[in-house]
């Protein structure tokens, strides 16, 4: 399958539209170019302005424009799972992200991303801004802001650890035999603190269910912390051993709790 990047500086004698120019330069059909554009794989930088995704096939080109396509046939062929809007709070919305959906896109496209699905859900009334991330393999609740102000205020709450994020996690082994309910192990040279409460142990599968709260926001913090103490998250494709699981990563962000900066009261989702 094809995966390539083509970058073009538009010349005076080039075709007038982005679709025509990319088709000529790449050899792809106009239909495939239009599909790639719709899915966020084409980028444009005008003489003045920042690099942006270009989705309009008939967008006129001018000399000096910089046009790029990051084409990945495998990614573009994917049919993403659909997220669900749990609550629309006006300034922001709460979404349940399914496993397999990215938080946001990359240079090769964004049709498999929560942010794009939210954009299409509210289009054209509201903007969308990603407030925080959740691993692609994980499921659960995420916040999407609908203004720069809302994004700034919610991000500030996150940075100050004022948004409590609760997770339901299934880990390998009997977690009850471990003393204490905290994991205080540095990650990437930075302080990282995870708190948990054991719920049950299933001897038949040798797995435990735990409720988890993270007090810091390090990369893959829950997954790395539980792997480090010998109880890796079931279904984790990256961390731990002996924790394969046909049902995928057993980690779900199931609750968000914080003082809403707009309603000025505590809100709990779901």
C-alpha atoms as a PDB file:
ATOM      1  CA  UNK A   1       0.000   0.000   0.000  1.00  0.00           C
ATOM      2  CA  UNK A   2       1.158   3.538  -0.706  1.00  0.00           C
ATOM      3  CA  UNK A   3       2.599   5.890   1.868  1.00  0.00           C
ATOM      4  CA  UNK A   4       4.438   8.999   0.770  1.00  0.00           C
ATOM      5  CA  UNK A   5       4.759  12.747   1.175  1.00  0.00           C
ATOM      6  CA  UNK A   6       4.784  15.216  -1.701  1.00  0.00           C
ATOM      7  CA  UNK A   7       5.480  18.904  -1.155  1.00  0.00           C
ATOM      8  CA  UNK A   8       4.997  21.544  -3.843  1.00  0.00           C
ATOM      9  CA  UNK A   9       5.753  25.239  -4.136  1.00  0.00           C
ATOM     10  CA  UNK A  10       3.143  26.506  -6.575  1.00  0.00           C
ATOM     11  CA  UNK A  11       4.610  27.947  -9.779  1.00  0.00           C
ATOM     12  CA  UNK A  12       2.927  30.458 -12.143  1.00  0.00           C
ATOM     13  CA  UNK A  13       2.170  27.803 -14.779  1.00  0.00           C
ATOM     14  CA  UNK A  14       0.767  25.182 -12.350  1.00  0.00           C
ATOM     15  CA  UNK A  15      -2.914  24.141 -12.450  1.00  0.00           C
ATOM     16  CA  UNK A  16      -5.203  26.582 -10.681  1.00  0.00           C
ATOM     17  CA  UNK A  17      -6.829  24.224  -8.162  1.00  0.00           C
ATOM     18  CA  UNK A  18      -5.253  22.164  -5.408  1.00  0.00           C
ATOM     19  CA  UNK A  19      -6.861  18.926  -6.571  1.00  0.00           C
ATOM     20  CA  UNK A  20      -5.631  19.288 -10.140  1.00  0.00           C
ATOM     21  CA  UNK A  21      -2.118  20.185  -9.038  1.00  0.00           C
ATOM     22  CA  UNK A  22      -1.818  17.286  -6.585  1.00  0.00           C
ATOM     23  CA  UNK A  23      -3.219  14.807  -9.102  1.00  0.00           C
ATOM     24  CA  UNK A  24      -0.625  15.887 -11.654  1.00  0.00           C
ATOM     25  CA  UNK A  25       2.265  15.767  -9.191  1.00  0.00           C
ATOM     26  CA  UNK A  26       1.402  12.468  -7.487  1.00  0.00           C
ATOM     27  CA  UNK A  27      -0.271  10.450 -10.237  1.00  0.00           C
ATOM     28  CA  UNK A  28      -3.236   9.765  -7.953  1.00  0.00           C
ATOM     29  CA  UNK A  29      -6.734  10.073  -9.361  1.00  0.00           C
ATOM     30  CA  UNK A  30      -8.722  13.176  -8.490  1.00  0.00           C
ATOM     31  CA  UNK A  31     -11.118  10.952  -6.559  1.00  0.00           C
ATOM     32  CA  UNK A  32      -8.328   9.723  -4.295  1.00  0.00           C
ATOM     33  CA  UNK A  33      -6.998  13.252  -3.865  1.00  0.00           C
ATOM     34  CA  UNK A  34     -10.456  14.502  -2.846  1.00  0.00           C
ATOM     35  CA  UNK A  35     -10.802  11.642  -0.371  1.00  0.00           C
ATOM     36  CA  UNK A  36      -7.406  12.453   1.153  1.00  0.00           C
ATOM     37  CA  UNK A  37      -8.330  16.134   1.389  1.00  0.00           C
ATOM     38  CA  UNK A  38     -11.636  15.376   3.107  1.00  0.00           C
ATOM     39  CA  UNK A  39      -9.789  13.193   5.627  1.00  0.00           C
ATOM     40  CA  UNK A  40      -7.203  15.841   6.490  1.00  0.00           C
ATOM     41  CA  UNK A  41      -4.106  14.611   4.641  1.00  0.00           C
ATOM     42  CA  UNK A  42      -3.524  17.776   2.583  1.00  0.00           C
ATOM     43  CA  UNK A  43      -1.919  20.939   3.956  1.00  0.00           C
ATOM     44  CA  UNK A  44      -1.544  24.479   2.609  1.00  0.00           C
ATOM     45  CA  UNK A  45       0.618  27.414   3.609  1.00  0.00           C
ATOM     46  CA  UNK A  46      -0.122  30.675   1.883  1.00  0.00           C
ATOM     47  CA  UNK A  47       2.448  33.431   1.493  1.00  0.00           C
ATOM     48  CA  UNK A  48       1.186  34.897   4.760  1.00  0.00           C
ATOM     49  CA  UNK A  49      -0.374  32.677   7.382  1.00  0.00           C
ATOM     50  CA  UNK A  50       0.195  29.389   9.124  1.00  0.00           C
ATOM     51  CA  UNK A  51       0.137  25.858   7.818  1.00  0.00           C
ATOM     52  CA  UNK A  52      -3.444  24.533   7.758  1.00  0.00           C
ATOM     53  CA  UNK A  53      -5.331  21.483   6.566  1.00  0.00           C
ATOM     54  CA  UNK A  54      -6.931  22.031   3.174  1.00  0.00           C
ATOM     55  CA  UNK A  55     -10.173  20.173   2.504  1.00  0.00           C
ATOM     56  CA  UNK A  56     -11.633  22.099  -0.458  1.00  0.00           C
ATOM     57  CA  UNK A  57     -10.651  20.440  -3.735  1.00  0.00           C
ATOM     58  CA  UNK A  58     -11.376  23.551  -5.784  1.00  0.00           C
ATOM     59  CA  UNK A  59      -9.313  25.873  -3.588  1.00  0.00           C
ATOM     60  CA  UNK A  60      -7.458  28.237  -5.964  1.00  0.00           C
ATOM     61  CA  UNK A  61      -3.673  28.132  -5.944  1.00  0.00           C
ATOM     62  CA  UNK A  62      -1.394  31.120  -6.335  1.00  0.00           C
ATOM     63  CA  UNK A  63       2.335  31.222  -7.100  1.00  0.00           C
ATOM     64  CA  UNK A  64       4.359  30.927  -3.920  1.00  0.00           C
ATOM     65  CA  UNK A  65       1.802  28.874  -2.024  1.00  0.00           C
ATOM     66  CA  UNK A  66       3.213  25.712  -0.429  1.00  0.00           C
ATOM     67  CA  UNK A  67       1.044  22.613  -0.830  1.00  0.00           C
ATOM     68  CA  UNK A  68       1.703  19.196   0.716  1.00  0.00           C
ATOM     69  CA  UNK A  69       0.007  15.823   0.795  1.00  0.00           C
ATOM     70  CA  UNK A  70       0.907  13.169   3.374  1.00  0.00           C
ATOM     71  CA  UNK A  71      -0.633  10.080   1.866  1.00  0.00           C
ATOM     72  CA  UNK A  72      -1.105   6.835   3.784  1.00  0.00           C
ATOM     73  CA  UNK A  73      -3.476   4.491   1.981  1.00  0.00           C
ATOM     74  CA  UNK A  74      -3.813   2.199   5.005  1.00  0.00           C
ATOM     75  CA  UNK A  75      -4.809   5.036   7.338  1.00  0.00           C
ATOM     76  CA  UNK A  76      -7.171   6.612   4.820  1.00  0.00           C
ATOM     77  CA  UNK A  77      -8.953   3.284   4.329  1.00  0.00           C
ATOM     78  CA  UNK A  78      -9.724   2.902   8.036  1.00  0.00           C
ATOM     79  CA  UNK A  79     -13.335   3.263   9.172  1.00  0.00           C
ATOM     80  CA  UNK A  80     -13.072   4.810  12.650  1.00  0.00           C
ATOM     81  CA  UNK A  81     -15.314   3.916  15.587  1.00  0.00           C
ATOM     82  CA  UNK A  82     -17.745   6.670  16.520  1.00  0.00           C
ATOM     83  CA  UNK A  83     -17.465   8.707  19.695  1.00  0.00           C
ATOM     84  CA  UNK A  84     -20.554   9.763  21.655  1.00  0.00           C
ATOM     85  CA  UNK A  85     -21.351  13.228  23.014  1.00  0.00           C
ATOM     86  CA  UNK A  86     -22.216  12.612  26.657  1.00  0.00           C
ATOM     87  CA  UNK A  87     -22.988  16.203  27.629  1.00  0.00           C
ATOM     88  CA  UNK A  88     -23.038  19.561  25.843  1.00  0.00           C
ATOM     89  CA  UNK A  89     -22.222  22.335  28.315  1.00  0.00           C
ATOM     90  CA  UNK A  90     -22.034  25.135  25.752  1.00  0.00           C
ATOM     91  CA  UNK A  91     -18.511  26.324  26.549  1.00  0.00           C
ATOM     92  CA  UNK A  92     -17.331  22.728  26.386  1.00  0.00           C
ATOM     93  CA  UNK A  93     -18.640  19.231  25.775  1.00  0.00           C
ATOM     94  CA  UNK A  94     -17.903  15.820  27.262  1.00  0.00           C
ATOM     95  CA  UNK A  95     -17.315  12.881  24.952  1.00  0.00           C
ATOM     96  CA  UNK A  96     -16.946   9.141  25.379  1.00  0.00           C
ATOM     97  CA  UNK A  97     -14.057   8.027  23.202  1.00  0.00           C
ATOM     98  CA  UNK A  98     -14.091   4.403  22.055  1.00  0.00           C
ATOM     99  CA  UNK A  99     -10.957   2.274  21.810  1.00  0.00           C
ATOM    100  CA  UNK A 100      -9.181   2.698  18.489  1.00  0.00           C
ATOM    101  CA  UNK A 101     -10.006   6.388  18.093  1.00  0.00           C
ATOM    102  CA  UNK A 102      -7.164   8.903  18.380  1.00  0.00           C
ATOM    103  CA  UNK A 103      -7.588  12.070  20.414  1.00  0.00           C
ATOM    104  CA  UNK A 104      -6.440  14.203  17.478  1.00  0.00           C
ATOM    105  CA  UNK A 105      -5.117  13.616  14.000  1.00  0.00           C
ATOM    106  CA  UNK A 106      -1.613  13.750  12.601  1.00  0.00           C
ATOM    107  CA  UNK A 107      -0.130  15.021   9.350  1.00  0.00           C
ATOM    108  CA  UNK A 108      -1.511  11.981   7.494  1.00  0.00           C
ATOM    109  CA  UNK A 109      -5.120  12.718   8.421  1.00  0.00           C
ATOM    110  CA  UNK A 110      -7.672  13.315  11.146  1.00  0.00           C
ATOM    111  CA  UNK A 111     -10.749  11.311  10.177  1.00  0.00           C
ATOM    112  CA  UNK A 112      -9.838   8.720  12.860  1.00  0.00           C
ATOM    113  CA  UNK A 113      -9.702  11.384  15.583  1.00  0.00           C
ATOM    114  CA  UNK A 114     -12.161  12.478  18.263  1.00  0.00           C
ATOM    115  CA  UNK A 115     -11.460  16.158  17.605  1.00  0.00           C
ATOM    116  CA  UNK A 116     -12.557  15.836  13.968  1.00  0.00           C
ATOM    117  CA  UNK A 117     -15.709  13.942  14.918  1.00  0.00           C
ATOM    118  CA  UNK A 118     -16.588  16.679  17.412  1.00  0.00           C
ATOM    119  CA  UNK A 119     -15.885  19.342  14.782  1.00  0.00           C
ATOM    120  CA  UNK A 120     -18.295  17.687  12.356  1.00  0.00           C
ATOM    121  CA  UNK A 121     -20.880  17.173  15.113  1.00  0.00           C
ATOM    122  CA  UNK A 122     -21.014  20.901  15.938  1.00  0.00           C
ATOM    123  CA  UNK A 123     -20.145  22.303  12.505  1.00  0.00           C
ATOM    124  CA  UNK A 124     -20.455  25.114  11.620  1.00  0.00           C
ATOM    125  CA  UNK A 125     -21.652  26.622  14.883  1.00  0.00           C
ATOM    126  CA  UNK A 126     -18.668  26.022  17.166  1.00  0.00           C
ATOM    127  CA  UNK A 127     -14.921  25.623  17.196  1.00  0.00           C
ATOM    128  CA  UNK A 128     -13.294  22.648  18.882  1.00  0.00           C
ATOM    129  CA  UNK A 129     -10.132  22.561  21.002  1.00  0.00           C
ATOM    130  CA  UNK A 130      -8.539  19.511  22.578  1.00  0.00           C
ATOM    131  CA  UNK A 131      -8.179  19.912  26.344  1.00  0.00           C
ATOM    132  CA  UNK A 132      -6.461  16.647  27.270  1.00  0.00           C
ATOM    133  CA  UNK A 133      -5.561  13.272  25.797  1.00  0.00           C
ATOM    134  CA  UNK A 134      -6.483   9.647  26.262  1.00  0.00           C
ATOM    135  CA  UNK A 135      -4.481   6.765  24.833  1.00  0.00           C
ATOM    136  CA  UNK A 136      -5.758   5.497  21.505  1.00  0.00           C
ATOM    137  CA  UNK A 137      -6.219   1.995  22.925  1.00  0.00           C
ATOM    138  CA  UNK A 138      -8.196   3.267  25.939  1.00  0.00           C
ATOM    139  CA  UNK A 139     -11.858   4.171  26.246  1.00  0.00           C
ATOM    140  CA  UNK A 140     -13.532   6.867  28.268  1.00  0.00           C
ATOM    141  CA  UNK A 141     -14.411  10.476  28.890  1.00  0.00           C
ATOM    142  CA  UNK A 142     -12.710  13.464  27.303  1.00  0.00           C
ATOM    143  CA  UNK A 143     -13.301  17.212  27.338  1.00  0.00           C
ATOM    144  CA  UNK A 144     -13.579  19.295  24.170  1.00  0.00           C
ATOM    145  CA  UNK A 145     -13.553  23.094  24.543  1.00  0.00           C
ATOM    146  CA  UNK A 146     -15.491  25.358  22.169  1.00  0.00           C
ATOM    147  CA  UNK A 147     -13.545  28.588  22.536  1.00  0.00           C
ATOM    148  CA  UNK A 148      -9.959  29.546  23.221  1.00  0.00           C
ATOM    149  CA  UNK A 149     -11.057  30.981  26.568  1.00  0.00           C
ATOM    150  CA  UNK A 150     -12.721  27.714  27.581  1.00  0.00           C
ATOM    151  CA  UNK A 151      -9.687  25.735  26.448  1.00  0.00           C
ATOM    152  CA  UNK A 152      -7.414  27.988  28.482  1.00  0.00           C
ATOM    153  CA  UNK A 153      -9.520  27.761  31.640  1.00  0.00           C
ATOM    154  CA  UNK A 154      -9.969  23.988  31.471  1.00  0.00           C
ATOM    155  CA  UNK A 155      -6.284  23.469  30.685  1.00  0.00           C
ATOM    156  CA  UNK A 156      -5.395  25.582  33.708  1.00  0.00           C
ATOM    157  CA  UNK A 157      -7.550  23.344  35.914  1.00  0.00           C
ATOM    158  CA  UNK A 158      -5.751  20.296  34.530  1.00  0.00           C
ATOM    159  CA  UNK A 159      -2.332  21.797  35.127  1.00  0.00           C
ATOM    160  CA  UNK A 160      -3.316  22.540  38.724  1.00  0.00           C
ATOM    161  CA  UNK A 161      -4.670  18.987  39.173  1.00  0.00           C
ATOM    162  CA  UNK A 162      -8.143  20.372  39.832  1.00  0.00           C
ATOM    163  CA  UNK A 163      -9.898  17.997  37.445  1.00  0.00           C
ATOM    164  CA  UNK A 164     -10.270  14.610  39.113  1.00  0.00           C
ATOM    165  CA  UNK A 165     -10.074  11.835  36.522  1.00  0.00           C
ATOM    166  CA  UNK A 166     -11.205   8.398  37.648  1.00  0.00           C
ATOM    167  CA  UNK A 167     -10.389   5.174  35.791  1.00  0.00           C
ATOM    168  CA  UNK A 168     -11.656   1.618  35.902  1.00  0.00           C
ATOM    169  CA  UNK A 169      -8.738  -0.734  35.253  1.00  0.00           C
ATOM    170  CA  UNK A 170      -8.178  -4.479  35.101  1.00  0.00           C
ATOM    171  CA  UNK A 171      -4.653  -5.589  35.963  1.00  0.00           C
ATOM    172  CA  UNK A 172      -2.765  -8.862  36.029  1.00  0.00           C
ATOM    173  CA  UNK A 173      -2.402 -10.683  39.344  1.00  0.00           C
ATOM    174  CA  UNK A 174      -3.782 -10.224  42.835  1.00  0.00           C
ATOM    175  CA  UNK A 175      -3.345  -6.550  43.677  1.00  0.00           C
ATOM    176  CA  UNK A 176      -4.661  -7.140  47.207  1.00  0.00           C
ATOM    177  CA  UNK A 177      -1.356  -8.660  48.295  1.00  0.00           C
ATOM    178  CA  UNK A 178       0.451  -5.397  47.635  1.00  0.00           C
ATOM    179  CA  UNK A 179       0.791  -3.098  50.621  1.00  0.00           C
ATOM    180  CA  UNK A 180      -0.456   0.448  50.222  1.00  0.00           C
ATOM    181  CA  UNK A 181      -2.701   2.064  47.647  1.00  0.00           C
ATOM    182  CA  UNK A 182      -0.304   4.452  45.961  1.00  0.00           C
ATOM    183  CA  UNK A 183       2.370   4.191  43.293  1.00  0.00           C
ATOM    184  CA  UNK A 184       4.973   6.921  43.704  1.00  0.00           C
ATOM    185  CA  UNK A 185       7.557   6.186  41.040  1.00  0.00           C
ATOM    186  CA  UNK A 186       9.176   8.840  38.879  1.00  0.00           C
ATOM    187  CA  UNK A 187       8.553   8.641  35.139  1.00  0.00           C
ATOM    188  CA  UNK A 188      10.931  10.258  32.655  1.00  0.00           C
ATOM    189  CA  UNK A 189      12.739  11.891  35.539  1.00  0.00           C
ATOM    190  CA  UNK A 190       9.575  13.573  36.829  1.00  0.00           C
ATOM    191  CA  UNK A 191       7.425  12.973  39.885  1.00  0.00           C
ATOM    192  CA  UNK A 192       4.455  10.720  39.169  1.00  0.00           C
ATOM    193  CA  UNK A 193       1.748   9.714  41.639  1.00  0.00           C
ATOM    194  CA  UNK A 194      -1.027   7.189  41.074  1.00  0.00           C
ATOM    195  CA  UNK A 195      -3.621   6.244  43.691  1.00  0.00           C
ATOM    196  CA  UNK A 196      -5.869   3.212  43.450  1.00  0.00           C
ATOM    197  CA  UNK A 197      -8.505   1.226  45.309  1.00  0.00           C
ATOM    198  CA  UNK A 198      -8.755  -2.541  44.747  1.00  0.00           C
ATOM    199  CA  UNK A 199     -12.260  -3.751  43.975  1.00  0.00           C
ATOM    200  CA  UNK A 200     -12.038  -7.493  43.328  1.00  0.00           C
ATOM    201  CA  UNK A 201      -9.770 -10.380  42.404  1.00  0.00           C
ATOM    202  CA  UNK A 202     -10.725 -13.170  40.001  1.00  0.00           C
ATOM    203  CA  UNK A 203      -8.626 -16.270  40.660  1.00  0.00           C
ATOM    204  CA  UNK A 204      -9.858 -17.964  37.475  1.00  0.00           C
ATOM    205  CA  UNK A 205      -8.307 -15.264  35.274  1.00  0.00           C
ATOM    206  CA  UNK A 206      -5.675 -14.108  37.785  1.00  0.00           C
ATOM    207  CA  UNK A 207      -6.771 -10.504  37.354  1.00  0.00           C
ATOM    208  CA  UNK A 208      -7.832  -7.691  39.658  1.00  0.00           C
ATOM    209  CA  UNK A 209     -10.197  -4.796  39.101  1.00  0.00           C
ATOM    210  CA  UNK A 210      -9.150  -1.448  40.538  1.00  0.00           C
ATOM    211  CA  UNK A 211     -10.366   2.135  40.599  1.00  0.00           C
ATOM    212  CA  UNK A 212      -7.547   4.557  39.794  1.00  0.00           C
ATOM    213  CA  UNK A 213      -6.937   8.276  40.227  1.00  0.00           C
ATOM    214  CA  UNK A 214      -3.848   9.985  38.830  1.00  0.00           C
ATOM    215  CA  UNK A 215      -2.455  13.023  40.613  1.00  0.00           C
ATOM    216  CA  UNK A 216       0.040  13.834  37.863  1.00  0.00           C
ATOM    217  CA  UNK A 217      -0.269  13.610  34.109  1.00  0.00           C
ATOM    218  CA  UNK A 218       2.737  11.716  32.774  1.00  0.00           C
ATOM    219  CA  UNK A 219       2.760   9.859  29.470  1.00  0.00           C
ATOM    220  CA  UNK A 220       0.970   6.484  29.817  1.00  0.00           C
ATOM    221  CA  UNK A 221       1.192   6.980  33.582  1.00  0.00           C
ATOM    222  CA  UNK A 222      -1.321   4.319  34.669  1.00  0.00           C
ATOM    223  CA  UNK A 223      -0.025   1.735  32.225  1.00  0.00           C
ATOM    224  CA  UNK A 224       3.625   2.299  33.104  1.00  0.00           C
ATOM    225  CA  UNK A 225       3.061   2.487  36.853  1.00  0.00           C
ATOM    226  CA  UNK A 226       1.132  -0.770  37.101  1.00  0.00           C
ATOM    227  CA  UNK A 227       3.633  -2.519  34.841  1.00  0.00           C
ATOM    228  CA  UNK A 228       6.469  -1.308  37.092  1.00  0.00           C
ATOM    229  CA  UNK A 229       4.882  -2.876  40.196  1.00  0.00           C
ATOM    230  CA  UNK A 230       4.302  -6.182  38.425  1.00  0.00           C
ATOM    231  CA  UNK A 231       0.586  -5.764  37.742  1.00  0.00           C
ATOM    232  CA  UNK A 232       0.382  -4.620  34.104  1.00  0.00           C
ATOM    233  CA  UNK A 233      -2.926  -3.498  32.641  1.00  0.00           C
ATOM    234  CA  UNK A 234      -4.633  -6.324  30.783  1.00  0.00           C
ATOM    235  CA  UNK A 235      -4.495  -5.992  27.030  1.00  0.00           C
ATOM    236  CA  UNK A 236      -1.694  -3.428  27.082  1.00  0.00           C
ATOM    237  CA  UNK A 237       0.233  -3.842  23.805  1.00  0.00           C
ATOM    238  CA  UNK A 238       3.269  -1.928  25.049  1.00  0.00           C
ATOM    239  CA  UNK A 239       3.880  -2.435  28.769  1.00  0.00           C
ATOM    240  CA  UNK A 240       4.143  -5.611  30.806  1.00  0.00           C
ATOM    241  CA  UNK A 241       4.200  -9.318  30.010  1.00  0.00           C
ATOM    242  CA  UNK A 242       1.671 -12.093  30.444  1.00  0.00           C
ATOM    243  CA  UNK A 243      -1.153  -9.570  30.110  1.00  0.00           C
ATOM    244  CA  UNK A 244      -2.485 -10.297  26.639  1.00  0.00           C
ATOM    245  CA  UNK A 245      -6.232  -9.943  26.329  1.00  0.00           C
ATOM    246  CA  UNK A 246      -8.577 -10.484  23.375  1.00  0.00           C
ATOM    247  CA  UNK A 247     -10.862  -7.670  24.563  1.00  0.00           C
ATOM    248  CA  UNK A 248      -8.148  -5.039  24.170  1.00  0.00           C
ATOM    249  CA  UNK A 249      -6.780  -2.587  26.719  1.00  0.00           C
ATOM    250  CA  UNK A 250      -8.782  -2.826  29.934  1.00  0.00           C
ATOM    251  CA  UNK A 251      -8.558   0.816  30.909  1.00  0.00           C
ATOM    252  CA  UNK A 252     -11.502   3.190  30.918  1.00  0.00           C
ATOM    253  CA  UNK A 253     -11.725   6.823  32.037  1.00  0.00           C
ATOM    254  CA  UNK A 254     -15.174   6.661  33.587  1.00  0.00           C
ATOM    255  CA  UNK A 255     -15.542   9.903  35.558  1.00  0.00           C
ATOM    256  CA  UNK A 256     -14.541  13.580  35.444  1.00  0.00           C
ATOM    257  CA  UNK A 257     -15.152  15.808  38.476  1.00  0.00           C
ATOM    258  CA  UNK A 258     -14.277  19.501  38.795  1.00  0.00           C
ATOM    259  CA  UNK A 259     -15.535  22.979  39.645  1.00  0.00           C
ATOM    260  CA  UNK A 260     -16.894  24.307  36.362  1.00  0.00           C
ATOM    261  CA  UNK A 261     -15.274  27.721  35.691  1.00  0.00           C
ATOM    262  CA  UNK A 262     -18.476  28.857  33.980  1.00  0.00           C
ATOM    263  CA  UNK A 263     -21.262  27.409  36.144  1.00  0.00           C
ATOM    264  CA  UNK A 264     -19.196  28.046  39.309  1.00  0.00           C
ATOM    265  CA  UNK A 265     -20.249  24.737  40.847  1.00  0.00           C
ATOM    266  CA  UNK A 266     -19.005  21.176  40.985  1.00  0.00           C
ATOM    267  CA  UNK A 267     -19.887  19.045  37.971  1.00  0.00           C
ATOM    268  CA  UNK A 268     -19.533  15.291  37.642  1.00  0.00           C
ATOM    269  CA  UNK A 269     -19.560  13.351  34.374  1.00  0.00           C
ATOM    270  CA  UNK A 270     -21.115  10.993  33.559  1.00  0.00           C
END
